[in-house]
Full PDB file with SEQRES, HELIX, SHEET, SSBOND, CRYST1, ORIGX, SCALE, CONECT and MASTER records, all heavy atoms in Angstrom:
SEQRES   1 A   38  VAL GLU LEU LYS ASP LEU GLU LEU ALA GLU GLY TRP GLY          
SEQRES   2 A   38  MET ASP VAL SER GLY THR GLY LEU PRO SER GLY GLN LYS          
SEQRES   3 A   38  ILE LYS ALA LEU SER LEU ASN CYS PRO GLN CYS ALA              
HELIX    1 AA1 LEU A    3  LEU A    6  5                                   4    
CRYST1    1.000    1.000    1.000  90.00  90.00  90.00 P 1           1          
ORIGX1      1.000000  0.000000  0.000000        0.00000                         
ORIGX2      0.000000  1.000000  0.000000        0.00000                         
ORIGX3      0.000000  0.000000  1.000000        0.00000                         
SCALE1      1.000000  0.000000  0.000000        0.00000                         
SCALE2      0.000000  1.000000  0.000000        0.00000                         
SCALE3      0.000000  0.000000  1.000000        0.00000                         
ATOM      1  N   VAL A   1      76.337 123.448-106.155  1.00  0.00           N  
ATOM      2  CA  VAL A   1      75.459 122.508-106.887  1.00  0.00           C  
ATOM      3  C   VAL A   1      75.434 121.169-106.213  1.00  0.00           C  
ATOM      4  O   VAL A   1      76.293 120.805-105.437  1.00  0.00           O  
ATOM      5  CB  VAL A   1      75.922 122.414-108.364  1.00  0.00           C  
ATOM      6  CG1 VAL A   1      75.861 123.725-109.059  1.00  0.00           C  
ATOM      7  CG2 VAL A   1      77.351 121.828-108.445  1.00  0.00           C  
ATOM      8  N   GLU A   2      74.446 120.365-106.631  1.00  0.00           N  
ATOM      9  CA  GLU A   2      74.453 118.935-106.226  1.00  0.00           C  
ATOM     10  C   GLU A   2      74.734 118.134-107.494  1.00  0.00           C  
ATOM     11  O   GLU A   2      74.587 118.636-108.626  1.00  0.00           O  
ATOM     12  CB  GLU A   2      73.069 118.558-105.660  1.00  0.00           C  
ATOM     13  CG  GLU A   2      72.769 119.340-104.417  1.00  0.00           C  
ATOM     14  CD  GLU A   2      71.411 118.883-103.846  1.00  0.00           C  
ATOM     15  OE1 GLU A   2      70.809 117.922-104.381  1.00  0.00           O  
ATOM     16  OE2 GLU A   2      70.895 119.562-102.872  1.00  0.00           O  
ATOM     17  N   LEU A   3      75.175 116.835-107.281  1.00  0.00           N  
ATOM     18  CA  LEU A   3      75.510 116.033-108.460  1.00  0.00           C  
ATOM     19  C   LEU A   3      74.374 115.890-109.431  1.00  0.00           C  
ATOM     20  O   LEU A   3      74.557 115.793-110.657  1.00  0.00           O  
ATOM     21  CB  LEU A   3      76.002 114.665-107.986  1.00  0.00           C  
ATOM     22  CG  LEU A   3      77.370 114.656-107.303  1.00  0.00           C  
ATOM     23  CD1 LEU A   3      77.746 113.211-106.951  1.00  0.00           C  
ATOM     24  CD2 LEU A   3      78.450 115.298-108.206  1.00  0.00           C  
ATOM     25  N   LYS A   4      73.107 115.868-108.909  1.00  0.00           N  
ATOM     26  CA  LYS A   4      72.010 115.706-109.769  1.00  0.00           C  
ATOM     27  C   LYS A   4      71.869 116.898-110.762  1.00  0.00           C  
ATOM     28  O   LYS A   4      71.314 116.767-111.863  1.00  0.00           O  
ATOM     29  CB  LYS A   4      70.725 115.537-108.980  1.00  0.00           C  
ATOM     30  CG  LYS A   4      70.364 116.750-108.123  1.00  0.00           C  
ATOM     31  CD  LYS A   4      69.078 116.508-107.338  1.00  0.00           C  
ATOM     32  CE  LYS A   4      68.671 117.692-106.496  1.00  0.00           C  
ATOM     33  NZ  LYS A   4      67.443 117.445-105.686  1.00  0.00           N  
ATOM     34  N   ASP A   5      72.358 118.044-110.317  1.00  0.00           N  
ATOM     35  CA  ASP A   5      72.303 119.270-111.213  1.00  0.00           C  
ATOM     36  C   ASP A   5      73.183 119.084-112.422  1.00  0.00           C  
ATOM     37  O   ASP A   5      72.986 119.778-113.436  1.00  0.00           O  
ATOM     38  CB  ASP A   5      72.764 120.492-110.425  1.00  0.00           C  
ATOM     39  CG  ASP A   5      71.856 120.798-109.246  1.00  0.00           C  
ATOM     40  OD1 ASP A   5      70.638 120.564-109.326  1.00  0.00           O  
ATOM     41  OD2 ASP A   5      72.348 121.275-108.204  1.00  0.00           O  
ATOM     42  N   LEU A   6      74.171 118.154-112.364  1.00  0.00           N  
ATOM     43  CA  LEU A   6      75.122 118.017-113.473  1.00  0.00           C  
ATOM     44  C   LEU A   6      74.673 117.004-114.533  1.00  0.00           C  
ATOM     45  O   LEU A   6      75.310 116.767-115.489  1.00  0.00           O  
ATOM     46  CB  LEU A   6      76.519 117.592-112.917  1.00  0.00           C  
ATOM     47  CG  LEU A   6      77.127 118.534-111.881  1.00  0.00           C  
ATOM     48  CD1 LEU A   6      78.412 118.012-111.406  1.00  0.00           C  
ATOM     49  CD2 LEU A   6      77.254 119.966-112.527  1.00  0.00           C  
ATOM     50  N   GLU A   7      73.548 116.291-114.251  1.00  0.00           N  
ATOM     51  CA  GLU A   7      72.950 115.321-115.198  1.00  0.00           C  
ATOM     52  C   GLU A   7      74.047 114.387-115.741  1.00  0.00           C  
ATOM     53  O   GLU A   7      74.234 114.268-116.975  1.00  0.00           O  
ATOM     54  CB  GLU A   7      72.231 116.061-116.285  1.00  0.00           C  
ATOM     55  CG  GLU A   7      71.052 116.872-115.818  1.00  0.00           C  
ATOM     56  CD  GLU A   7      70.295 117.515-116.975  1.00  0.00           C  
ATOM     57  OE1 GLU A   7      70.080 116.812-117.994  1.00  0.00           O  
ATOM     58  OE2 GLU A   7      69.904 118.661-116.904  1.00  0.00           O  
ATOM     59  N   LEU A   8      74.794 113.747-114.850  1.00  0.00           N  
ATOM     60  CA  LEU A   8      75.867 112.869-115.282  1.00  0.00           C  
ATOM     61  C   LEU A   8      75.341 111.667-116.038  1.00  0.00           C  
ATOM     62  O   LEU A   8      74.248 111.142-115.708  1.00  0.00           O  
ATOM     63  CB  LEU A   8      76.679 112.411-114.085  1.00  0.00           C  
ATOM     64  CG  LEU A   8      77.392 113.581-113.309  1.00  0.00           C  
ATOM     65  CD1 LEU A   8      77.967 113.069-112.031  1.00  0.00           C  
ATOM     66  CD2 LEU A   8      78.384 114.335-114.162  1.00  0.00           C  
ATOM     67  N   ALA A   9      76.070 111.226-117.014  1.00  0.00           N  
ATOM     68  CA  ALA A   9      75.647 110.091-117.881  1.00  0.00           C  
ATOM     69  C   ALA A   9      75.430 108.856-117.054  1.00  0.00           C  
ATOM     70  O   ALA A   9      76.108 108.580-116.080  1.00  0.00           O  
ATOM     71  CB  ALA A   9      76.698 109.854-118.976  1.00  0.00           C  
ATOM     72  N   GLU A  10      74.473 108.000-117.489  1.00  0.00           N  
ATOM     73  CA  GLU A  10      74.192 106.769-116.849  1.00  0.00           C  
ATOM     74  C   GLU A  10      75.426 105.837-116.859  1.00  0.00           C  
ATOM     75  O   GLU A  10      76.084 105.718-117.892  1.00  0.00           O  
ATOM     76  CB  GLU A  10      72.997 106.080-117.442  1.00  0.00           C  
ATOM     77  CG  GLU A  10      71.674 106.825-117.218  1.00  0.00           C  
ATOM     78  CD  GLU A  10      70.484 106.033-117.760  1.00  0.00           C  
ATOM     79  OE1 GLU A  10      70.681 104.887-118.197  1.00  0.00           O  
ATOM     80  OE2 GLU A  10      69.403 106.666-117.827  1.00  0.00           O  
ATOM     81  N   GLY A  11      75.611 105.135-115.755  1.00  0.00           N  
ATOM     82  CA  GLY A  11      76.774 104.172-115.698  1.00  0.00           C  
ATOM     83  C   GLY A  11      78.137 104.826-115.410  1.00  0.00           C  
ATOM     84  O   GLY A  11      79.122 104.133-115.430  1.00  0.00           O  
ATOM     85  N   TRP A  12      78.079 106.142-115.078  1.00  0.00           N  
ATOM     86  CA  TRP A  12      79.331 106.855-114.876  1.00  0.00           C  
ATOM     87  C   TRP A  12      80.046 106.385-113.573  1.00  0.00           C  
ATOM     88  O   TRP A  12      81.227 106.481-113.431  1.00  0.00           O  
ATOM     89  CB  TRP A  12      79.086 108.342-114.786  1.00  0.00           C  
ATOM     90  CG  TRP A  12      78.227 108.771-113.629  1.00  0.00           C  
ATOM     91  CD1 TRP A  12      76.852 108.827-113.653  1.00  0.00           C  
ATOM     92  CD2 TRP A  12      78.652 109.149-112.355  1.00  0.00           C  
ATOM     93  NE1 TRP A  12      76.407 109.202-112.362  1.00  0.00           N  
ATOM     94  CE2 TRP A  12      77.466 109.461-111.602  1.00  0.00           C  
ATOM     95  CE3 TRP A  12      79.897 109.279-111.703  1.00  0.00           C  
ATOM     96  CZ2 TRP A  12      77.540 109.845-110.267  1.00  0.00           C  
ATOM     97  CZ3 TRP A  12      79.919 109.738-110.398  1.00  0.00           C  
ATOM     98  CH2 TRP A  12      78.737 109.952-109.672  1.00  0.00           C  
ATOM     99  N   GLY A  13      79.282 105.884-112.571  1.00  0.00           N  
ATOM    100  CA  GLY A  13      79.875 105.610-111.288  1.00  0.00           C  
ATOM    101  C   GLY A  13      80.262 104.139-111.037  1.00  0.00           C  
ATOM    102  O   GLY A  13      80.066 103.632-110.005  1.00  0.00           O  
ATOM    103  N   MET A  14      80.879 103.503-112.037  1.00  0.00           N  
ATOM    104  CA  MET A  14      81.183 102.049-111.929  1.00  0.00           C  
ATOM    105  C   MET A  14      82.563 101.838-111.307  1.00  0.00           C  
ATOM    106  O   MET A  14      82.860 100.716-110.872  1.00  0.00           O  
ATOM    107  CB  MET A  14      81.087 101.396-113.290  1.00  0.00           C  
ATOM    108  CG  MET A  14      79.650 101.414-113.873  1.00  0.00           C  
ATOM    109  SD  MET A  14      78.429 100.732-112.727  1.00  0.00           S  
ATOM    110  CE  MET A  14      78.963  99.078-112.583  1.00  0.00           C  
ATOM    111  N   ASP A  15      83.431 102.851-111.301  1.00  0.00           N  
ATOM    112  CA  ASP A  15      84.775 102.557-110.839  1.00  0.00           C  
ATOM    113  C   ASP A  15      85.396 103.860-110.324  1.00  0.00           C  
ATOM    114  O   ASP A  15      85.221 104.907-110.891  1.00  0.00           O  
ATOM    115  CB  ASP A  15      85.644 101.952-111.876  1.00  0.00           C  
ATOM    116  CG  ASP A  15      87.059 101.679-111.427  1.00  0.00           C  
ATOM    117  OD1 ASP A  15      87.241 101.009-110.372  1.00  0.00           O  
ATOM    118  OD2 ASP A  15      87.994 102.185-112.041  1.00  0.00           O  
ATOM    119  N   VAL A  16      86.173 103.749-109.220  1.00  0.00           N  
ATOM    120  CA  VAL A  16      87.000 104.819-108.817  1.00  0.00           C  
ATOM    121  C   VAL A  16      88.438 104.303-108.933  1.00  0.00           C  
ATOM    122  O   VAL A  16      88.816 103.333-108.266  1.00  0.00           O  
ATOM    123  CB  VAL A  16      86.667 105.265-107.359  1.00  0.00           C  
ATOM    124  CG1 VAL A  16      87.734 106.265-106.903  1.00  0.00           C  
ATOM    125  CG2 VAL A  16      85.350 105.861-107.300  1.00  0.00           C  
ATOM    126  N   SER A  17      89.219 105.010-109.716  1.00  0.00           N  
ATOM    127  CA  SER A  17      90.568 104.463-109.954  1.00  0.00           C  
ATOM    128  C   SER A  17      91.401 104.246-108.704  1.00  0.00           C  
ATOM    129  O   SER A  17      91.524 105.138-107.845  1.00  0.00           O  
ATOM    130  CB  SER A  17      91.344 105.423-110.902  1.00  0.00           C  
ATOM    131  OG  SER A  17      92.705 104.963-111.147  1.00  0.00           O  
ATOM    132  N   GLY A  18      91.932 103.034-108.528  1.00  0.00           N  
ATOM    133  CA  GLY A  18      92.781 102.798-107.439  1.00  0.00           C  
ATOM    134  C   GLY A  18      92.120 102.250-106.201  1.00  0.00           C  
ATOM    135  O   GLY A  18      92.773 101.841-105.223  1.00  0.00           O  
ATOM    136  N   THR A  19      90.750 102.220-106.131  1.00  0.00           N  
ATOM    137  CA  THR A  19      90.077 101.775-104.950  1.00  0.00           C  
ATOM    138  C   THR A  19      89.352 100.455-105.161  1.00  0.00           C  
ATOM    139  O   THR A  19      89.135  99.748-104.194  1.00  0.00           O  
ATOM    140  CB  THR A  19      89.059 102.803-104.422  1.00  0.00           C  
ATOM    141  OG1 THR A  19      87.977 102.856-105.391  1.00  0.00           O  
ATOM    142  CG2 THR A  19      89.697 104.124-104.256  1.00  0.00           C  
ATOM    143  N   GLY A  20      88.922 100.167-106.377  1.00  0.00           N  
ATOM    144  CA  GLY A  20      88.127  98.990-106.629  1.00  0.00           C  
ATOM    145  C   GLY A  20      86.725  99.133-106.090  1.00  0.00           C  
ATOM    146  O   GLY A  20      85.973  98.210-106.039  1.00  0.00           O  
ATOM    147  N   LEU A  21      86.346 100.363-105.750  1.00  0.00           N  
ATOM    148  CA  LEU A  21      85.046 100.603-105.190  1.00  0.00           C  
ATOM    149  C   LEU A  21      84.140 101.319-106.215  1.00  0.00           C  
ATOM    150  O   LEU A  21      84.681 102.048-107.062  1.00  0.00           O  
ATOM    151  CB  LEU A  21      85.082 101.463-103.934  1.00  0.00           C  
ATOM    152  CG  LEU A  21      85.806 100.902-102.755  1.00  0.00           C  
ATOM    153  CD1 LEU A  21      85.924 101.956-101.691  1.00  0.00           C  
ATOM    154  CD2 LEU A  21      85.019  99.682-102.169  1.00  0.00           C  
ATOM    155  N   PRO A  22      82.852 101.109-106.226  1.00  0.00           N  
ATOM    156  CA  PRO A  22      82.026 101.943-107.059  1.00  0.00           C  
ATOM    157  C   PRO A  22      82.167 103.428-106.705  1.00  0.00           C  
ATOM    158  O   PRO A  22      82.448 103.752-105.572  1.00  0.00           O  
ATOM    159  CB  PRO A  22      80.549 101.437-106.712  1.00  0.00           C  
ATOM    160  CG  PRO A  22      80.772 100.099-106.125  1.00  0.00           C  
ATOM    161  CD  PRO A  22      82.098 100.115-105.456  1.00  0.00           C  
ATOM    162  N   SER A  23      82.041 104.283-107.712  1.00  0.00           N  
ATOM    163  CA  SER A  23      82.202 105.661-107.461  1.00  0.00           C  
ATOM    164  C   SER A  23      81.179 106.100-106.484  1.00  0.00           C  
ATOM    165  O   SER A  23      80.040 105.811-106.468  1.00  0.00           O  
ATOM    166  CB  SER A  23      82.015 106.462-108.783  1.00  0.00           C  
ATOM    167  OG  SER A  23      82.313 107.766-108.601  1.00  0.00           O  
ATOM    168  N   GLY A  24      81.622 106.972-105.508  1.00  0.00           N  
ATOM    169  CA  GLY A  24      80.792 107.501-104.506  1.00  0.00           C  
ATOM    170  C   GLY A  24      80.756 106.696-103.219  1.00  0.00           C  
ATOM    171  O   GLY A  24      80.229 107.082-102.262  1.00  0.00           O  
ATOM    172  N   GLN A  25      81.319 105.412-103.278  1.00  0.00           N  
ATOM    173  CA  GLN A  25      81.331 104.613-102.055  1.00  0.00           C  
ATOM    174  C   GLN A  25      82.590 104.834-101.308  1.00  0.00           C  
ATOM    175  O   GLN A  25      83.674 104.800-101.775  1.00  0.00           O  
ATOM    176  CB  GLN A  25      81.279 103.088-102.490  1.00  0.00           C  
ATOM    177  CG  GLN A  25      81.211 102.144-101.350  1.00  0.00           C  
ATOM    178  CD  GLN A  25      81.055 100.732-101.742  1.00  0.00           C  
ATOM    179  OE1 GLN A  25      80.485 100.422-102.779  1.00  0.00           O  
ATOM    180  NE2 GLN A  25      81.648  99.790-101.015  1.00  0.00           N  
ATOM    181  N   LYS A  26      82.389 105.165-100.020  1.00  0.00           N  
ATOM    182  CA  LYS A  26      83.477 105.507 -99.167  1.00  0.00           C  
ATOM    183  C   LYS A  26      84.213 104.239 -98.601  1.00  0.00           C  
ATOM    184  O   LYS A  26      83.602 103.220 -98.402  1.00  0.00           O  
ATOM    185  CB  LYS A  26      83.037 106.389 -98.026  1.00  0.00           C  
ATOM    186  CG  LYS A  26      82.380 107.668 -98.422  1.00  0.00           C  
ATOM    187  CD  LYS A  26      83.371 108.617 -99.017  1.00  0.00           C  
ATOM    188  CE  LYS A  26      82.722 109.946 -99.410  1.00  0.00           C  
ATOM    189  NZ  LYS A  26      83.613 110.889 -99.949  1.00  0.00           N  
ATOM    190  N   ILE A  27      85.524 104.366 -98.343  1.00  0.00           N  
ATOM    191  CA  ILE A  27      86.201 103.350 -97.653  1.00  0.00           C  
ATOM    192  C   ILE A  27      85.699 103.175 -96.256  1.00  0.00           C  
ATOM    193  O   ILE A  27      85.512 104.170 -95.570  1.00  0.00           O  
ATOM    194  CB  ILE A  27      87.753 103.618 -97.642  1.00  0.00           C  
ATOM    195  CG1 ILE A  27      88.310 103.653 -99.046  1.00  0.00           C  
ATOM    196  CG2 ILE A  27      88.524 102.626 -96.792  1.00  0.00           C  
ATOM    197  CD1 ILE A  27      89.751 104.015 -99.103  1.00  0.00           C  
ATOM    198  N   LYS A  28      85.446 101.950 -95.804  1.00  0.00           N  
ATOM    199  CA  LYS A  28      84.924 101.712 -94.487  1.00  0.00           C  
ATOM    200  C   LYS A  28      86.050 101.915 -93.473  1.00  0.00           C  
ATOM    201  O   LYS A  28      87.208 102.170 -93.778  1.00  0.00           O  
ATOM    202  CB  LYS A  28      84.298 100.377 -94.402  1.00  0.00           C  
ATOM    203  CG  LYS A  28      83.048 100.178 -95.281  1.00  0.00           C  
ATOM    204  CD  LYS A  28      82.457  98.820 -95.116  1.00  0.00           C  
ATOM    205  CE  LYS A  28      81.247  98.634 -96.025  1.00  0.00           C  
ATOM    206  NZ  LYS A  28      80.634  97.327 -95.873  1.00  0.00           N  
ATOM    207  N   ALA A  29      85.725 101.731 -92.237  1.00  0.00           N  
ATOM    208  CA  ALA A  29      86.658 102.033 -91.121  1.00  0.00           C  
ATOM    209  C   ALA A  29      87.909 101.221 -91.307  1.00  0.00           C  
ATOM    210  O   ALA A  29      87.823  99.997 -91.627  1.00  0.00           O  
ATOM    211  CB  ALA A  29      86.005 101.767 -89.802  1.00  0.00           C  
ATOM    212  N   LEU A  30      89.047 101.827 -91.021  1.00  0.00           N  
ATOM    213  CA  LEU A  30      90.306 101.103 -91.032  1.00  0.00           C  
ATOM    214  C   LEU A  30      90.691 100.758 -89.585  1.00  0.00           C  
ATOM    215  O   LEU A  30      90.576 101.621 -88.703  1.00  0.00           O  
ATOM    216  CB  LEU A  30      91.429 101.910 -91.648  1.00  0.00           C  
ATOM    217  CG  LEU A  30      91.310 102.190 -93.183  1.00  0.00           C  
ATOM    218  CD1 LEU A  30      92.487 103.063 -93.583  1.00  0.00           C  
ATOM    219  CD2 LEU A  30      91.279 100.919 -93.930  1.00  0.00           C  
ATOM    220  N   SER A  31      91.235  99.594 -89.336  1.00  0.00           N  
ATOM    221  CA  SER A  31      91.742  99.222 -88.026  1.00  0.00           C  
ATOM    222  C   SER A  31      93.208  99.315 -88.053  1.00  0.00           C  
ATOM    223  O   SER A  31      93.919  98.621 -88.822  1.00  0.00           O  
ATOM    224  CB  SER A  31      91.317  97.789 -87.699  1.00  0.00           C  
ATOM    225  OG  SER A  31      89.870  97.695 -87.578  1.00  0.00           O  
ATOM    226  N   LEU A  32      93.763 100.180 -87.194  1.00  0.00           N  
ATOM    227  CA  LEU A  32      95.178 100.446 -87.124  1.00  0.00           C  
ATOM    228  C   LEU A  32      95.680 100.337 -85.668  1.00  0.00           C  
ATOM    229  O   LEU A  32      94.855 100.120 -84.732  1.00  0.00           O  
ATOM    230  CB  LEU A  32      95.507 101.810 -87.656  1.00  0.00           C  
ATOM    231  CG  LEU A  32      95.055 102.108 -89.129  1.00  0.00           C  
ATOM    232  CD1 LEU A  32      95.227 103.611 -89.395  1.00  0.00           C  
ATOM    233  CD2 LEU A  32      95.821 101.297 -90.125  1.00  0.00           C  
ATOM    234  N   ASN A  33      96.929 100.473 -85.489  1.00  0.00           N  
ATOM    235  CA  ASN A  33      97.501 100.522 -84.128  1.00  0.00           C  
ATOM    236  C   ASN A  33      98.290 101.784 -83.911  1.00  0.00           C  
ATOM    237  O   ASN A  33      98.935 102.303 -84.837  1.00  0.00           O  
ATOM    238  CB  ASN A  33      98.473  99.339 -83.907  1.00  0.00           C  
ATOM    239  CG  ASN A  33      97.769  97.949 -83.969  1.00  0.00           C  
ATOM    240  OD1 ASN A  33      97.743  97.300 -84.973  1.00  0.00           O  
ATOM    241  ND2 ASN A  33      97.077  97.626 -82.888  1.00  0.00           N  
ATOM    242  N   CYS A  34      98.222 102.345 -82.723  1.00  0.00           N  
ATOM    243  CA  CYS A  34      98.887 103.554 -82.387  1.00  0.00           C  
ATOM    244  C   CYS A  34     100.404 103.292 -82.451  1.00  0.00           C  
ATOM    245  O   CYS A  34     100.875 102.310 -81.910  1.00  0.00           O  
ATOM    246  CB  CYS A  34      98.513 104.020 -80.935  1.00  0.00           C  
ATOM    247  SG  CYS A  34      99.490 105.385 -80.351  1.00  0.00           S  
ATOM    248  N   PRO A  35     101.162 104.140 -83.163  1.00  0.00           N  
ATOM    249  CA  PRO A  35     102.634 103.942 -83.281  1.00  0.00           C  
ATOM    250  C   PRO A  35     103.351 104.158 -81.977  1.00  0.00           C  
ATOM    251  O   PRO A  35     104.531 103.737 -81.862  1.00  0.00           O  
ATOM    252  CB  PRO A  35     103.027 104.977 -84.353  1.00  0.00           C  
ATOM    253  CG  PRO A  35     101.990 105.997 -84.283  1.00  0.00           C  
ATOM    254  CD  PRO A  35     100.712 105.277 -83.944  1.00  0.00           C  
ATOM    255  N   GLN A  36     102.742 104.691 -80.958  1.00  0.00           N  
ATOM    256  CA  GLN A  36     103.393 104.883 -79.663  1.00  0.00           C  
ATOM    257  C   GLN A  36     103.119 103.769 -78.697  1.00  0.00           C  
ATOM    258  O   GLN A  36     104.026 103.271 -78.060  1.00  0.00           O  
ATOM    259  CB  GLN A  36     102.942 106.168 -79.074  1.00  0.00           C  
ATOM    260  CG  GLN A  36     103.499 107.445 -79.632  1.00  0.00           C  
ATOM    261  CD  GLN A  36     105.017 107.523 -79.459  1.00  0.00           C  
ATOM    262  OE1 GLN A  36     105.777 107.238 -80.381  1.00  0.00           O  
ATOM    263  NE2 GLN A  36     105.448 107.859 -78.280  1.00  0.00           N  
ATOM    264  N   CYS A  37     101.872 103.372 -78.528  1.00  0.00           N  
ATOM    265  CA  CYS A  37     101.510 102.305 -77.534  1.00  0.00           C  
ATOM    266  C   CYS A  37     100.992 101.064 -78.093  1.00  0.00           C  
ATOM    267  O   CYS A  37     100.738 100.113 -77.406  1.00  0.00           O  
ATOM    268  CB  CYS A  37     100.521 102.915 -76.525  1.00  0.00           C  
ATOM    269  SG  CYS A  37      98.860 103.188 -77.214  1.00  0.00           S  
ATOM    270  N   ALA A  38     100.836 101.027 -79.440  1.00  0.00           N  
ATOM    271  CA  ALA A  38     100.296  99.881 -80.141  1.00  0.00           C  
ATOM    272  C   ALA A  38      98.854  99.546 -79.815  1.00  0.00           C  
ATOM    273  O   ALA A  38      98.310  98.539 -80.191  1.00  0.00           O  
ATOM    274  CB  ALA A  38     101.152  98.631 -79.911  1.00  0.00           C  
TER     275      ALA A  38                                                      
MASTER        0    0    0    1    0    0    0    6  274    1    0    3          
END                                                                             
């Protein structure tokens, strides 16, 4: 199925617990360092 098939209630996507992002919004790229060579 697709999410539209579930007819989710309006306003359902305002928060994703623990991320502070709207529901459905992905975390953007993270900048890290290699633990071996930095």
